Amino acid sequence: MPFAVDAPEVSGSESSDAPACTWVEVAYATPECQRIVTLVWAPGLTARAAVIRANLTAHFAELDDAWLASAPLGIFGERLEAPEQRELLPGERVEVYRPLQLDPKQARRERAARRPPR
């Protein structure tokens, strides 16, 4: 699977009061490609805002801003119920979840139908 990581955005001056980690990541993957975009963290940055700022539509033709504005999101594998309100912490990775291509129950039924009877 191809893998791409965008370079972090450059921020202004750094102070000694700043957290040691001052970035967040946004991840999106298809079966063919994965992209992780690194963004500069700022207090108040929400999960949804980070996804919009990551500009994933420039890398994945199948995405559009309208879908990204309501796509399911998670942080390190845990789905967010209110990504518009969830403020990110430095070092967190926001994941954009794609819809399932095939319902797992339907896939099981189809496999069972293809098996020879016992």
N, C-alpha and C. Protein backbone atom coordinates (compact mmCIF):
# COMPACT_ATOMS: atom_id res chain seq x y z
N MET A 1 0.85 -1.16 0.00
CA MET A 1 0.00 0.00 0.00
C MET A 1 0.90 1.23 0.00
N PRO A 2 0.73 2.14 -0.98
CA PRO A 2 1.51 3.36 -0.95
C PRO A 2 1.21 4.15 0.31
N PHE A 3 2.19 4.86 0.78
CA PHE A 3 2.06 5.60 2.02
C PHE A 3 2.65 6.98 1.80
N ALA A 4 1.93 8.01 2.22
CA ALA A 4 2.43 9.36 2.05
C ALA A 4 2.25 10.13 3.34
N VAL A 5 3.23 10.91 3.69
CA VAL A 5 3.13 11.78 4.85
C VAL A 5 3.49 13.18 4.39
N ASP A 6 2.60 14.13 4.60
CA ASP A 6 2.88 15.51 4.24
C ASP A 6 3.77 16.14 5.30
N ALA A 7 4.60 17.05 4.87
CA ALA A 7 5.48 17.76 5.80
C ALA A 7 4.66 18.64 6.72
N PRO A 8 5.09 18.80 7.96
CA PRO A 8 4.35 19.67 8.87
C PRO A 8 4.39 21.12 8.42
N GLU A 9 3.32 21.84 8.74
CA GLU A 9 3.30 23.27 8.47
C GLU A 9 4.29 23.93 9.43
N VAL A 10 4.89 25.00 8.99
CA VAL A 10 5.86 25.71 9.82
C VAL A 10 5.12 26.75 10.63
N SER A 11 5.35 26.76 11.93
CA SER A 11 4.69 27.74 12.79
C SER A 11 5.66 28.87 13.09
N GLY A 12 5.14 29.88 13.76
CA GLY A 12 5.95 31.04 14.12
C GLY A 12 6.95 30.69 15.21
N SER A 13 7.27 31.67 16.03
CA SER A 13 8.26 31.45 17.07
C SER A 13 7.76 30.46 18.10
N GLU A 14 8.68 29.76 18.70
CA GLU A 14 8.33 28.78 19.72
C GLU A 14 8.74 29.32 21.08
N SER A 15 7.90 29.07 22.07
CA SER A 15 8.25 29.53 23.41
C SER A 15 8.56 28.33 24.28
N SER A 16 9.21 28.57 25.39
CA SER A 16 9.54 27.48 26.29
C SER A 16 8.30 26.94 26.99
N ASP A 17 7.17 27.70 26.95
CA ASP A 17 5.92 27.25 27.56
C ASP A 17 5.14 26.30 26.65
N ALA A 18 5.53 26.21 25.38
CA ALA A 18 4.78 25.41 24.40
C ALA A 18 4.90 23.93 24.74
N PRO A 19 3.84 23.14 24.44
CA PRO A 19 3.93 21.70 24.65
C PRO A 19 5.05 21.11 23.80
N ALA A 20 5.63 20.00 24.26
CA ALA A 20 6.73 19.37 23.52
C ALA A 20 6.26 18.93 22.13
N CYS A 21 5.03 18.48 22.02
CA CYS A 21 4.47 18.04 20.75
C CYS A 21 3.47 19.10 20.29
N THR A 22 3.70 19.70 19.15
CA THR A 22 2.83 20.78 18.70
C THR A 22 2.20 20.47 17.35
N TRP A 23 1.87 19.22 17.14
CA TRP A 23 1.25 18.82 15.88
C TRP A 23 0.13 17.84 16.11
N VAL A 24 -0.72 17.69 15.11
CA VAL A 24 -1.75 16.66 15.07
C VAL A 24 -1.70 16.06 13.67
N GLU A 25 -2.28 14.87 13.52
CA GLU A 25 -2.30 14.22 12.22
C GLU A 25 -3.74 13.95 11.80
N VAL A 26 -3.94 13.96 10.49
CA VAL A 26 -5.23 13.57 9.90
C VAL A 26 -4.92 12.42 8.95
N ALA A 27 -5.62 11.30 9.10
CA ALA A 27 -5.36 10.11 8.29
C ALA A 27 -6.59 9.72 7.49
N TYR A 28 -6.36 9.33 6.24
CA TYR A 28 -7.40 8.79 5.37
C TYR A 28 -6.76 7.72 4.52
N ALA A 29 -7.47 6.63 4.30
CA ALA A 29 -6.91 5.54 3.51
C ALA A 29 -7.96 4.93 2.61
N THR A 30 -7.51 4.48 1.46
CA THR A 30 -8.31 3.66 0.56
C THR A 30 -7.59 2.32 0.49
N PRO A 31 -8.18 1.32 -0.17
CA PRO A 31 -7.44 0.06 -0.30
C PRO A 31 -6.11 0.22 -1.04
N GLU A 32 -5.98 1.28 -1.86
CA GLU A 32 -4.78 1.47 -2.65
C GLU A 32 -3.77 2.43 -2.03
N CYS A 33 -4.22 3.36 -1.21
CA CYS A 33 -3.33 4.43 -0.76
C CYS A 33 -3.73 4.93 0.62
N GLN A 34 -2.75 5.35 1.38
CA GLN A 34 -2.97 5.96 2.69
C GLN A 34 -2.25 7.30 2.72
N ARG A 35 -2.88 8.29 3.31
CA ARG A 35 -2.24 9.60 3.45
C ARG A 35 -2.41 10.07 4.89
N ILE A 36 -1.31 10.52 5.46
CA ILE A 36 -1.33 11.12 6.79
C ILE A 36 -0.81 12.54 6.63
N VAL A 37 -1.65 13.49 6.99
CA VAL A 37 -1.28 14.90 6.87
C VAL A 37 -0.97 15.41 8.28
N THR A 38 0.17 16.01 8.44
CA THR A 38 0.58 16.58 9.72
C THR A 38 0.29 18.07 9.72
N LEU A 39 -0.41 18.51 10.76
CA LEU A 39 -0.79 19.92 10.89
C LEU A 39 -0.23 20.48 12.19
N VAL A 40 0.01 21.76 12.21
CA VAL A 40 0.43 22.42 13.44
C VAL A 40 -0.78 22.49 14.37
N TRP A 41 -0.59 22.06 15.61
CA TRP A 41 -1.66 22.09 16.60
C TRP A 41 -1.83 23.50 17.12
N ALA A 42 -3.07 23.87 17.35
CA ALA A 42 -3.38 25.15 17.99
C ALA A 42 -4.50 24.90 18.98
N PRO A 43 -4.49 25.56 20.12
CA PRO A 43 -5.58 25.38 21.08
C PRO A 43 -6.92 25.69 20.41
N GLY A 44 -7.91 24.85 20.68
CA GLY A 44 -9.23 25.05 20.11
C GLY A 44 -9.45 24.37 18.77
N LEU A 45 -8.42 23.78 18.19
CA LEU A 45 -8.57 23.08 16.91
C LEU A 45 -9.43 21.84 17.12
N THR A 46 -10.55 21.75 16.39
CA THR A 46 -11.43 20.60 16.54
C THR A 46 -11.08 19.53 15.51
N ALA A 47 -11.58 18.34 15.75
CA ALA A 47 -11.32 17.22 14.84
C ALA A 47 -11.84 17.55 13.44
N ARG A 48 -13.06 18.08 13.35
CA ARG A 48 -13.63 18.40 12.03
C ARG A 48 -12.82 19.49 11.33
N ALA A 49 -12.41 20.52 12.07
CA ALA A 49 -11.63 21.60 11.47
C ALA A 49 -10.29 21.08 10.96
N ALA A 50 -9.68 20.16 11.68
CA ALA A 50 -8.40 19.59 11.24
C ALA A 50 -8.57 18.82 9.93
N VAL A 51 -9.68 18.07 9.81
CA VAL A 51 -9.93 17.32 8.57
C VAL A 51 -10.11 18.27 7.40
N ILE A 52 -10.85 19.34 7.60
CA ILE A 52 -11.05 20.31 6.52
C ILE A 52 -9.71 20.98 6.17
N ARG A 53 -8.92 21.34 7.18
CA ARG A 53 -7.64 21.99 6.95
C ARG A 53 -6.65 21.07 6.23
N ALA A 54 -6.78 19.75 6.42
CA ALA A 54 -5.85 18.79 5.81
C ALA A 54 -5.96 18.73 4.29
N ASN A 55 -7.04 19.27 3.73
CA ASN A 55 -7.22 19.34 2.27
C ASN A 55 -7.08 17.98 1.59
N LEU A 56 -7.76 16.99 2.11
CA LEU A 56 -7.70 15.64 1.55
C LEU A 56 -8.28 15.56 0.14
N THR A 57 -9.15 16.49 -0.22
CA THR A 57 -9.75 16.47 -1.57
C THR A 57 -8.69 16.68 -2.65
N ALA A 58 -7.57 17.28 -2.31
CA ALA A 58 -6.50 17.47 -3.29
C ALA A 58 -5.78 16.17 -3.61
N HIS A 59 -5.92 15.16 -2.73
CA HIS A 59 -5.20 13.90 -2.90
C HIS A 59 -6.11 12.73 -3.28
N PHE A 60 -7.40 12.87 -3.02
CA PHE A 60 -8.35 11.79 -3.30
C PHE A 60 -9.52 12.34 -4.10
N ALA A 61 -9.57 11.98 -5.38
CA ALA A 61 -10.59 12.52 -6.28
C ALA A 61 -12.00 12.16 -5.85
N GLU A 62 -12.16 11.03 -5.15
CA GLU A 62 -13.50 10.58 -4.76
C GLU A 62 -14.08 11.37 -3.59
N LEU A 63 -13.27 12.19 -2.94
CA LEU A 63 -13.75 12.97 -1.80
C LEU A 63 -14.22 14.34 -2.23
N ASP A 64 -15.19 14.88 -1.51
CA ASP A 64 -15.57 16.27 -1.70
C ASP A 64 -15.77 16.92 -0.34
N ASP A 65 -15.72 18.23 -0.32
CA ASP A 65 -15.81 18.96 0.94
C ASP A 65 -17.12 18.71 1.67
N ALA A 66 -18.21 18.55 0.92
CA ALA A 66 -19.51 18.30 1.55
C ALA A 66 -19.49 16.98 2.33
N TRP A 67 -18.90 15.93 1.74
CA TRP A 67 -18.83 14.64 2.44
C TRP A 67 -17.92 14.75 3.66
N LEU A 68 -16.78 15.41 3.51
CA LEU A 68 -15.85 15.55 4.63
C LEU A 68 -16.46 16.35 5.78
N ALA A 69 -17.39 17.24 5.46
CA ALA A 69 -18.03 18.05 6.50
C ALA A 69 -18.93 17.22 7.41
N SER A 70 -19.29 15.99 6.96
CA SER A 70 -20.15 15.15 7.78
C SER A 70 -19.64 13.72 7.93
N ALA A 71 -18.47 13.43 7.40
CA ALA A 71 -17.91 12.07 7.45
C ALA A 71 -17.68 11.64 8.90
N PRO A 72 -17.84 10.35 9.17
CA PRO A 72 -17.52 9.86 10.52
C PRO A 72 -16.02 9.97 10.79
N LEU A 73 -15.68 10.41 12.00
CA LEU A 73 -14.29 10.60 12.39
C LEU A 73 -14.00 9.86 13.69
N GLY A 74 -12.74 9.56 13.90
CA GLY A 74 -12.32 8.95 15.15
C GLY A 74 -10.93 9.40 15.51
N ILE A 75 -10.54 9.10 16.72
CA ILE A 75 -9.18 9.39 17.17
C ILE A 75 -8.59 8.09 17.67
N PHE A 76 -7.51 7.67 17.05
CA PHE A 76 -6.83 6.42 17.38
C PHE A 76 -7.81 5.25 17.47
N GLY A 77 -8.71 5.14 16.50
CA GLY A 77 -9.61 4.00 16.41
C GLY A 77 -10.89 4.10 17.21
N GLU A 78 -11.11 5.18 17.92
CA GLU A 78 -12.35 5.35 18.68
C GLU A 78 -13.20 6.43 18.03
N ARG A 79 -14.39 6.03 17.60
CA ARG A 79 -15.28 6.95 16.88
C ARG A 79 -15.70 8.12 17.76
N LEU A 80 -15.74 9.30 17.15
CA LEU A 80 -16.16 10.52 17.85
C LEU A 80 -17.64 10.75 17.61
N GLU A 81 -18.38 11.02 18.66
CA GLU A 81 -19.80 11.31 18.54
C GLU A 81 -20.05 12.75 18.08
N ALA A 82 -19.19 13.68 18.48
CA ALA A 82 -19.36 15.10 18.14
C ALA A 82 -18.02 15.69 17.70
N PRO A 83 -17.55 15.34 16.48
CA PRO A 83 -16.23 15.80 16.05
C PRO A 83 -16.12 17.31 15.89
N GLU A 84 -17.26 17.98 15.71
CA GLU A 84 -17.24 19.44 15.58
C GLU A 84 -16.92 20.11 16.92
N GLN A 85 -17.15 19.38 18.01
CA GLN A 85 -16.93 19.93 19.34
C GLN A 85 -15.68 19.39 20.02
N ARG A 86 -15.14 18.30 19.51
CA ARG A 86 -13.99 17.65 20.16
C ARG A 86 -12.71 18.40 19.82
N GLU A 87 -12.16 19.09 20.83
CA GLU A 87 -10.90 19.79 20.64
C GLU A 87 -9.75 18.79 20.73
N LEU A 88 -8.83 18.92 19.79
CA LEU A 88 -7.70 17.99 19.73
C LEU A 88 -6.62 18.36 20.73
N LEU A 89 -5.92 17.33 21.16
CA LEU A 89 -4.75 17.50 22.01
C LEU A 89 -3.51 17.31 21.13
N PRO A 90 -2.39 17.91 21.49
CA PRO A 90 -1.17 17.73 20.70
C PRO A 90 -0.84 16.24 20.55
N GLY A 91 -0.46 15.86 19.33
CA GLY A 91 -0.05 14.48 19.06
C GLY A 91 -1.17 13.53 18.67
N GLU A 92 -2.42 13.97 18.71
CA GLU A 92 -3.52 13.07 18.36
C GLU A 92 -3.63 12.91 16.85
N ARG A 93 -4.18 11.76 16.44
CA ARG A 93 -4.39 11.45 15.03
C ARG A 93 -5.89 11.31 14.78
N VAL A 94 -6.43 12.14 13.90
CA VAL A 94 -7.83 12.06 13.51
C VAL A 94 -7.92 11.15 12.31
N GLU A 95 -8.84 10.19 12.35
CA GLU A 95 -9.03 9.26 11.24
C GLU A 95 -10.38 9.53 10.59
N VAL A 96 -10.39 9.58 9.26
CA VAL A 96 -11.62 9.75 8.50
C VAL A 96 -12.06 8.35 8.08
N TYR A 97 -13.26 7.96 8.51
CA TYR A 97 -13.76 6.61 8.22
C TYR A 97 -14.59 6.60 6.94
N ARG A 98 -14.29 5.63 6.09
CA ARG A 98 -15.05 5.43 4.85
C ARG A 98 -16.22 4.51 5.12
N PRO A 99 -17.29 4.62 4.33
CA PRO A 99 -18.38 3.66 4.48
C PRO A 99 -17.92 2.27 4.05
N LEU A 100 -18.51 1.24 4.64
CA LEU A 100 -18.19 -0.13 4.26
C LEU A 100 -18.63 -0.37 2.82
N GLN A 101 -17.81 -1.08 2.06
CA GLN A 101 -18.16 -1.42 0.69
C GLN A 101 -19.23 -2.51 0.65
N LEU A 102 -19.21 -3.39 1.64
CA LEU A 102 -20.16 -4.49 1.71
C LEU A 102 -20.49 -4.75 3.17
N ASP A 103 -21.75 -4.86 3.46
CA ASP A 103 -22.20 -5.14 4.82
C ASP A 103 -21.65 -6.50 5.25
N PRO A 104 -21.00 -6.60 6.42
CA PRO A 104 -20.42 -7.86 6.86
C PRO A 104 -21.44 -9.00 6.94
N LYS A 105 -22.65 -8.71 7.37
CA LYS A 105 -23.68 -9.76 7.43
C LYS A 105 -24.03 -10.27 6.04
N GLN A 106 -24.13 -9.34 5.09
CA GLN A 106 -24.43 -9.73 3.71
C GLN A 106 -23.28 -10.55 3.13
N ALA A 107 -22.06 -10.18 3.42
CA ALA A 107 -20.90 -10.94 2.92
C ALA A 107 -20.93 -12.36 3.46
N ARG A 108 -21.28 -12.52 4.75
CA ARG A 108 -21.37 -13.86 5.34
C ARG A 108 -22.46 -14.68 4.65
N ARG A 109 -23.60 -14.07 4.39
CA ARG A 109 -24.69 -14.78 3.69
C ARG A 109 -24.25 -15.25 2.31
N GLU A 110 -23.54 -14.36 1.60
CA GLU A 110 -23.08 -14.72 0.25
C GLU A 110 -22.06 -15.85 0.29
N ARG A 111 -21.16 -15.84 1.26
CA ARG A 111 -20.19 -16.94 1.37
C ARG A 111 -20.91 -18.25 1.70
N ALA A 112 -21.89 -18.18 2.58
CA ALA A 112 -22.63 -19.39 2.95
C ALA A 112 -23.41 -19.94 1.75
N ALA A 113 -23.94 -19.06 0.94
CA ALA A 113 -24.70 -19.50 -0.24
C ALA A 113 -23.81 -20.18 -1.27
N ARG A 114 -22.54 -19.81 -1.32
CA ARG A 114 -21.60 -20.40 -2.29
C ARG A 114 -21.06 -21.75 -1.83
N ARG A 115 -21.16 -22.05 -0.54
CA ARG A 115 -20.64 -23.34 -0.03
C ARG A 115 -21.55 -24.48 -0.46
N PRO A 116 -20.94 -25.61 -0.75
CA PRO A 116 -21.77 -26.77 -1.08
C PRO A 116 -22.52 -27.26 0.17
N PRO A 117 -23.72 -27.77 -0.01
CA PRO A 117 -24.49 -28.27 1.16
C PRO A 117 -23.77 -29.44 1.82
N ARG A 118 -23.97 -29.59 3.12
CA ARG A 118 -23.32 -30.69 3.86
C ARG A 118 -24.19 -31.90 3.89
